[in-house]
Amino acid sequence: MSDLYDTCVFIDYWRGDSVALALVDSARKNPGTVFYSPLSATELWQYPRLGRQEEIEYVALTRYMLREAVLDTTAAMKAGQWLRSYSRSQRMKLAADALIAATAEQRGATVHTRNVRDFKKFYVYVKQY
């Protein structure tokens, strides 16, 4: 089973969290073996105070160490099915997590996140770091 790092891994890595640093170090030692979702780029780049140094680090991670887990229509449809039972406001809050979970499921990947509660609503292979 492969691994997919959620957005919080990037954020915690930048903040110096020891577990996130170890996850990224593991990916650095084995480039191309760990996935990330392009939705994480959206979540990171929407942050108004994202600094230039953070951008450089995130680009290095996503271009040279991690593999992009491309979101396709099949995963998008799966996420949509998962979200059907939620209210509109809940769907808006959970959409990115459902899409990332569906992308991970498609690849048979374990999602590494601190946001286990929301991911477990959709997918069983979730690991809190």
N, C-alpha and C. Protein backbone atom coordinates (compact mmCIF):
# COMPACT_ATOMS: atom_id res chain seq x y z
N MET A 1 0.86 -1.18 0.00
CA MET A 1 0.00 0.00 0.00
C MET A 1 0.90 1.24 0.00
N SER A 2 0.57 2.20 -0.82
CA SER A 2 1.35 3.44 -0.89
C SER A 2 0.78 4.46 0.11
N ASP A 3 1.42 5.61 0.17
CA ASP A 3 1.01 6.67 1.09
C ASP A 3 0.63 7.92 0.32
N LEU A 4 -0.35 8.65 0.87
CA LEU A 4 -0.75 9.94 0.32
C LEU A 4 -0.76 10.93 1.49
N TYR A 5 0.01 12.01 1.35
CA TYR A 5 0.09 13.02 2.41
C TYR A 5 -0.97 14.08 2.20
N ASP A 6 -1.76 14.30 3.25
CA ASP A 6 -2.78 15.35 3.24
C ASP A 6 -2.10 16.71 3.43
N THR A 7 -2.85 17.75 3.19
CA THR A 7 -2.37 19.13 3.29
C THR A 7 -1.71 19.43 4.62
N CYS A 8 -2.26 18.89 5.69
CA CYS A 8 -1.71 19.22 7.02
C CYS A 8 -0.27 18.72 7.17
N VAL A 9 0.14 17.71 6.42
CA VAL A 9 1.55 17.28 6.48
C VAL A 9 2.45 18.42 6.00
N PHE A 10 2.07 19.09 4.93
CA PHE A 10 2.84 20.21 4.41
C PHE A 10 2.91 21.35 5.43
N ILE A 11 1.76 21.69 5.99
CA ILE A 11 1.69 22.79 6.95
C ILE A 11 2.53 22.47 8.18
N ASP A 12 2.35 21.27 8.71
CA ASP A 12 3.09 20.88 9.91
C ASP A 12 4.58 20.75 9.64
N TYR A 13 4.93 20.32 8.44
CA TYR A 13 6.34 20.25 8.04
C TYR A 13 6.96 21.66 8.11
N TRP A 14 6.26 22.62 7.53
CA TRP A 14 6.77 23.99 7.53
C TRP A 14 6.89 24.54 8.95
N ARG A 15 5.98 24.14 9.82
CA ARG A 15 6.00 24.60 11.21
C ARG A 15 7.04 23.87 12.06
N GLY A 16 7.67 22.84 11.50
CA GLY A 16 8.72 22.14 12.21
C GLY A 16 8.26 20.98 13.07
N ASP A 17 7.04 20.49 12.85
CA ASP A 17 6.53 19.35 13.60
C ASP A 17 7.41 18.13 13.34
N SER A 18 7.88 17.49 14.38
CA SER A 18 8.85 16.41 14.24
C SER A 18 8.31 15.22 13.44
N VAL A 19 7.05 14.88 13.62
CA VAL A 19 6.48 13.75 12.89
C VAL A 19 6.33 14.10 11.41
N ALA A 20 5.87 15.29 11.11
CA ALA A 20 5.76 15.72 9.71
C ALA A 20 7.14 15.80 9.06
N LEU A 21 8.13 16.28 9.81
CA LEU A 21 9.50 16.32 9.29
C LEU A 21 9.99 14.91 8.95
N ALA A 22 9.67 13.94 9.80
CA ALA A 22 10.07 12.55 9.54
C ALA A 22 9.36 11.98 8.32
N LEU A 23 8.08 12.31 8.15
CA LEU A 23 7.35 11.85 6.97
C LEU A 23 7.98 12.39 5.69
N VAL A 24 8.27 13.68 5.69
CA VAL A 24 8.87 14.30 4.50
C VAL A 24 10.28 13.76 4.27
N ASP A 25 11.02 13.53 5.34
CA ASP A 25 12.36 12.96 5.21
C ASP A 25 12.29 11.57 4.58
N SER A 26 11.31 10.78 4.97
CA SER A 26 11.10 9.46 4.39
C SER A 26 10.82 9.57 2.88
N ALA A 27 9.98 10.53 2.51
CA ALA A 27 9.68 10.74 1.09
C ALA A 27 10.91 11.24 0.34
N ARG A 28 11.71 12.05 1.00
CA ARG A 28 12.93 12.59 0.40
C ARG A 28 13.93 11.47 0.10
N LYS A 29 13.99 10.48 0.98
CA LYS A 29 14.92 9.35 0.80
C LYS A 29 14.44 8.39 -0.28
N ASN A 30 13.14 8.42 -0.56
CA ASN A 30 12.54 7.55 -1.57
C ASN A 30 11.68 8.37 -2.51
N PRO A 31 12.28 9.26 -3.30
CA PRO A 31 11.48 10.17 -4.13
C PRO A 31 10.54 9.42 -5.08
N GLY A 32 9.34 9.96 -5.20
CA GLY A 32 8.36 9.41 -6.12
C GLY A 32 7.55 8.25 -5.56
N THR A 33 7.72 7.91 -4.29
CA THR A 33 6.99 6.79 -3.71
C THR A 33 5.78 7.23 -2.90
N VAL A 34 5.69 8.50 -2.60
CA VAL A 34 4.60 9.05 -1.79
C VAL A 34 3.80 10.02 -2.66
N PHE A 35 2.48 9.99 -2.50
CA PHE A 35 1.59 10.83 -3.30
C PHE A 35 1.09 12.03 -2.50
N TYR A 36 0.61 13.03 -3.23
CA TYR A 36 -0.13 14.16 -2.67
C TYR A 36 -1.24 14.48 -3.66
N SER A 37 -2.27 15.13 -3.18
CA SER A 37 -3.38 15.54 -4.04
C SER A 37 -3.16 16.97 -4.52
N PRO A 38 -3.48 17.26 -5.78
CA PRO A 38 -3.40 18.65 -6.23
C PRO A 38 -4.34 19.56 -5.44
N LEU A 39 -5.34 18.99 -4.77
CA LEU A 39 -6.20 19.80 -3.91
C LEU A 39 -5.41 20.38 -2.75
N SER A 40 -4.35 19.71 -2.35
CA SER A 40 -3.49 20.26 -1.30
C SER A 40 -2.83 21.55 -1.77
N ALA A 41 -2.45 21.61 -3.04
CA ALA A 41 -1.87 22.85 -3.58
C ALA A 41 -2.89 23.98 -3.49
N THR A 42 -4.14 23.68 -3.82
CA THR A 42 -5.20 24.69 -3.70
C THR A 42 -5.34 25.16 -2.26
N GLU A 43 -5.36 24.21 -1.34
CA GLU A 43 -5.51 24.57 0.06
C GLU A 43 -4.32 25.38 0.57
N LEU A 44 -3.13 25.06 0.13
CA LEU A 44 -1.93 25.79 0.57
C LEU A 44 -1.86 27.19 -0.05
N TRP A 45 -2.10 27.27 -1.35
CA TRP A 45 -1.94 28.55 -2.05
C TRP A 45 -3.07 29.54 -1.77
N GLN A 46 -4.16 29.10 -1.21
CA GLN A 46 -5.24 30.05 -0.89
C GLN A 46 -4.95 30.81 0.40
N TYR A 47 -3.98 30.35 1.17
CA TYR A 47 -3.65 30.99 2.44
C TYR A 47 -3.07 32.38 2.17
N PRO A 48 -3.71 33.45 2.65
CA PRO A 48 -3.28 34.82 2.32
C PRO A 48 -1.85 35.17 2.74
N ARG A 49 -1.37 34.54 3.81
CA ARG A 49 -0.03 34.88 4.29
C ARG A 49 1.03 33.86 3.88
N LEU A 50 0.75 33.11 2.83
CA LEU A 50 1.73 32.16 2.33
C LEU A 50 2.96 32.94 1.86
N GLY A 51 4.08 32.66 2.45
CA GLY A 51 5.31 33.38 2.12
C GLY A 51 6.06 32.76 0.96
N ARG A 52 6.97 33.52 0.41
CA ARG A 52 7.76 33.05 -0.74
C ARG A 52 8.59 31.82 -0.38
N GLN A 53 9.17 31.81 0.81
CA GLN A 53 9.99 30.66 1.21
C GLN A 53 9.14 29.39 1.34
N GLU A 54 7.92 29.55 1.86
CA GLU A 54 7.01 28.41 1.95
C GLU A 54 6.67 27.90 0.55
N GLU A 55 6.38 28.82 -0.36
CA GLU A 55 6.07 28.43 -1.75
C GLU A 55 7.21 27.62 -2.34
N ILE A 56 8.43 28.09 -2.16
CA ILE A 56 9.59 27.40 -2.72
C ILE A 56 9.69 25.98 -2.15
N GLU A 57 9.51 25.86 -0.85
CA GLU A 57 9.58 24.54 -0.21
C GLU A 57 8.48 23.62 -0.70
N TYR A 58 7.25 24.13 -0.78
CA TYR A 58 6.13 23.32 -1.24
C TYR A 58 6.31 22.89 -2.70
N VAL A 59 6.80 23.78 -3.52
CA VAL A 59 7.05 23.43 -4.92
C VAL A 59 8.12 22.35 -5.01
N ALA A 60 9.18 22.47 -4.22
CA ALA A 60 10.23 21.44 -4.22
C ALA A 60 9.65 20.09 -3.81
N LEU A 61 8.82 20.08 -2.81
CA LEU A 61 8.22 18.82 -2.36
C LEU A 61 7.35 18.21 -3.45
N THR A 62 6.51 19.02 -4.05
CA THR A 62 5.55 18.48 -5.02
C THR A 62 6.16 18.18 -6.39
N ARG A 63 7.22 18.86 -6.73
CA ARG A 63 7.81 18.61 -8.05
C ARG A 63 8.90 17.54 -8.04
N TYR A 64 9.61 17.43 -6.93
CA TYR A 64 10.79 16.58 -6.93
C TYR A 64 10.76 15.40 -5.98
N MET A 65 9.88 15.42 -4.99
CA MET A 65 9.89 14.33 -4.01
C MET A 65 8.61 13.51 -3.97
N LEU A 66 7.49 14.16 -4.14
CA LEU A 66 6.21 13.47 -4.07
C LEU A 66 5.61 13.32 -5.46
N ARG A 67 4.73 12.33 -5.61
CA ARG A 67 4.05 12.13 -6.89
C ARG A 67 2.64 12.70 -6.80
N GLU A 68 2.24 13.37 -7.84
CA GLU A 68 0.88 13.91 -7.90
C GLU A 68 -0.12 12.78 -8.10
N ALA A 69 -1.11 12.71 -7.24
CA ALA A 69 -2.21 11.76 -7.38
C ALA A 69 -3.32 12.49 -8.10
N VAL A 70 -3.32 12.38 -9.39
CA VAL A 70 -4.24 13.15 -10.23
C VAL A 70 -5.69 12.78 -9.91
N LEU A 71 -6.49 13.81 -9.75
CA LEU A 71 -7.92 13.63 -9.51
C LEU A 71 -8.59 13.40 -10.86
N ASP A 72 -9.27 12.28 -11.00
CA ASP A 72 -9.98 12.03 -12.25
C ASP A 72 -11.48 11.95 -11.99
N THR A 73 -12.23 11.79 -13.06
CA THR A 73 -13.69 11.79 -12.96
C THR A 73 -14.22 10.66 -12.10
N THR A 74 -13.60 9.49 -12.17
CA THR A 74 -14.06 8.36 -11.36
C THR A 74 -13.96 8.68 -9.88
N ALA A 75 -12.84 9.24 -9.45
CA ALA A 75 -12.67 9.63 -8.04
C ALA A 75 -13.63 10.75 -7.67
N ALA A 76 -13.82 11.70 -8.57
CA ALA A 76 -14.74 12.82 -8.30
C ALA A 76 -16.17 12.31 -8.11
N MET A 77 -16.57 11.36 -8.93
CA MET A 77 -17.91 10.79 -8.80
C MET A 77 -18.05 10.02 -7.49
N LYS A 78 -17.02 9.28 -7.11
CA LYS A 78 -17.03 8.55 -5.84
C LYS A 78 -17.19 9.52 -4.68
N ALA A 79 -16.41 10.60 -4.68
CA ALA A 79 -16.51 11.61 -3.62
C ALA A 79 -17.92 12.21 -3.59
N GLY A 80 -18.47 12.48 -4.75
CA GLY A 80 -19.83 13.02 -4.82
C GLY A 80 -20.85 12.08 -4.20
N GLN A 81 -20.71 10.79 -4.45
CA GLN A 81 -21.61 9.80 -3.84
C GLN A 81 -21.47 9.82 -2.32
N TRP A 82 -20.24 9.87 -1.84
CA TRP A 82 -20.01 9.91 -0.39
C TRP A 82 -20.65 11.14 0.24
N LEU A 83 -20.64 12.25 -0.47
CA LEU A 83 -21.11 13.52 0.09
C LEU A 83 -22.64 13.69 0.05
N ARG A 84 -23.32 12.86 -0.70
CA ARG A 84 -24.77 13.01 -0.89
C ARG A 84 -25.57 13.14 0.39
N SER A 85 -25.21 12.41 1.40
CA SER A 85 -26.03 12.35 2.62
C SER A 85 -25.81 13.55 3.55
N TYR A 86 -24.91 14.44 3.19
CA TYR A 86 -24.61 15.60 4.04
C TYR A 86 -25.36 16.84 3.58
N SER A 87 -25.57 17.77 4.49
CA SER A 87 -26.21 19.04 4.14
C SER A 87 -25.28 19.83 3.21
N ARG A 88 -25.82 20.85 2.58
CA ARG A 88 -25.02 21.67 1.65
C ARG A 88 -23.79 22.26 2.35
N SER A 89 -23.98 22.80 3.54
CA SER A 89 -22.84 23.42 4.24
C SER A 89 -21.80 22.36 4.63
N GLN A 90 -22.26 21.18 5.02
CA GLN A 90 -21.32 20.10 5.34
C GLN A 90 -20.58 19.63 4.09
N ARG A 91 -21.30 19.55 2.98
CA ARG A 91 -20.66 19.13 1.73
C ARG A 91 -19.55 20.09 1.34
N MET A 92 -19.80 21.39 1.51
CA MET A 92 -18.78 22.39 1.18
C MET A 92 -17.55 22.24 2.07
N LYS A 93 -17.78 21.96 3.34
CA LYS A 93 -16.68 21.81 4.30
C LYS A 93 -15.88 20.52 4.04
N LEU A 94 -16.57 19.47 3.63
CA LEU A 94 -15.95 18.15 3.50
C LEU A 94 -15.49 17.80 2.08
N ALA A 95 -15.81 18.63 1.10
CA ALA A 95 -15.56 18.27 -0.30
C ALA A 95 -14.09 17.93 -0.58
N ALA A 96 -13.16 18.77 -0.14
CA ALA A 96 -11.75 18.50 -0.43
C ALA A 96 -11.30 17.19 0.20
N ASP A 97 -11.72 16.93 1.45
CA ASP A 97 -11.34 15.69 2.10
C ASP A 97 -11.92 14.48 1.37
N ALA A 98 -13.16 14.58 0.93
CA ALA A 98 -13.78 13.47 0.19
C ALA A 98 -13.05 13.22 -1.13
N LEU A 99 -12.67 14.29 -1.81
CA LEU A 99 -11.94 14.14 -3.08
C LEU A 99 -10.56 13.53 -2.86
N ILE A 100 -9.87 13.96 -1.81
CA ILE A 100 -8.56 13.41 -1.50
C ILE A 100 -8.70 11.94 -1.11
N ALA A 101 -9.70 11.62 -0.30
CA ALA A 101 -9.94 10.23 0.11
C ALA A 101 -10.25 9.34 -1.09
N ALA A 102 -11.08 9.83 -2.00
CA ALA A 102 -11.42 9.04 -3.19
C ALA A 102 -10.19 8.82 -4.07
N THR A 103 -9.34 9.82 -4.15
CA THR A 103 -8.10 9.69 -4.91
C THR A 103 -7.19 8.65 -4.27
N ALA A 104 -7.11 8.66 -2.94
CA ALA A 104 -6.30 7.68 -2.21
C ALA A 104 -6.87 6.27 -2.40
N GLU A 105 -8.18 6.16 -2.29
CA GLU A 105 -8.81 4.85 -2.46
C GLU A 105 -8.50 4.27 -3.84
N GLN A 106 -8.56 5.10 -4.85
CA GLN A 106 -8.30 4.67 -6.22
C GLN A 106 -6.89 4.09 -6.37
N ARG A 107 -5.95 4.61 -5.59
CA ARG A 107 -4.56 4.16 -5.66
C ARG A 107 -4.21 3.12 -4.60
N GLY A 108 -5.17 2.82 -3.73
CA GLY A 108 -4.89 1.91 -2.64
C GLY A 108 -3.88 2.50 -1.66
N ALA A 109 -3.97 3.80 -1.43
CA ALA A 109 -3.01 4.51 -0.59
C ALA A 109 -3.59 4.81 0.79
N THR A 110 -2.72 4.86 1.77
CA THR A 110 -3.09 5.29 3.11
C THR A 110 -2.94 6.80 3.19
N VAL A 111 -3.97 7.48 3.68
CA VAL A 111 -3.91 8.93 3.85
C VAL A 111 -3.25 9.23 5.21
N HIS A 112 -2.20 10.03 5.19
CA HIS A 112 -1.56 10.50 6.43
C HIS A 112 -2.06 11.91 6.69
N THR A 113 -2.65 12.10 7.88
CA THR A 113 -3.29 13.36 8.20
C THR A 113 -3.42 13.53 9.71
N ARG A 114 -3.68 14.75 10.12
CA ARG A 114 -4.09 14.98 11.51
C ARG A 114 -5.61 15.07 11.57
N ASN A 115 -6.24 15.13 10.41
CA ASN A 115 -7.69 15.30 10.29
C ASN A 115 -8.37 13.94 10.10
N VAL A 116 -8.09 12.99 10.96
CA VAL A 116 -8.58 11.63 10.81
C VAL A 116 -10.10 11.57 10.83
N ARG A 117 -10.72 12.32 11.72
CA ARG A 117 -12.18 12.25 11.89
C ARG A 117 -12.92 12.48 10.58
N ASP A 118 -12.56 13.53 9.84
CA ASP A 118 -13.28 13.81 8.58
C ASP A 118 -12.94 12.79 7.50
N PHE A 119 -11.70 12.38 7.39
CA PHE A 119 -11.33 11.41 6.36
C PHE A 119 -12.00 10.05 6.60
N LYS A 120 -12.12 9.66 7.87
CA LYS A 120 -12.73 8.37 8.19
C LYS A 120 -14.22 8.32 7.84
N LYS A 121 -14.82 9.46 7.58
CA LYS A 121 -16.21 9.48 7.13
C LYS A 121 -16.33 8.84 5.76
N PHE A 122 -15.22 8.81 5.02
CA PHE A 122 -15.25 8.36 3.64
C PHE A 122 -14.38 7.14 3.36
N TYR A 123 -13.31 6.97 4.13
CA TYR A 123 -12.28 6.02 3.73
C TYR A 123 -11.64 5.41 4.98
N VAL A 124 -11.35 4.12 4.93
CA VAL A 124 -10.86 3.45 6.13
C VAL A 124 -9.34 3.50 6.31
N TYR A 125 -8.61 3.63 5.23
CA TYR A 125 -7.14 3.63 5.34
C TYR A 125 -6.60 5.03 5.58
N VAL A 126 -6.74 5.45 6.83
CA VAL A 126 -6.32 6.79 7.25
C VAL A 126 -5.44 6.61 8.47
N LYS A 127 -4.33 7.29 8.49
CA LYS A 127 -3.40 7.17 9.60
C LYS A 127 -3.10 8.55 10.17
N GLN A 128 -3.32 8.67 11.46
CA GLN A 128 -2.97 9.94 12.13
C GLN A 128 -1.48 9.93 12.43
N TYR A 129 -0.83 11.03 12.14
CA TYR A 129 0.60 11.11 12.46
C TYR A 129 0.81 11.98 13.65
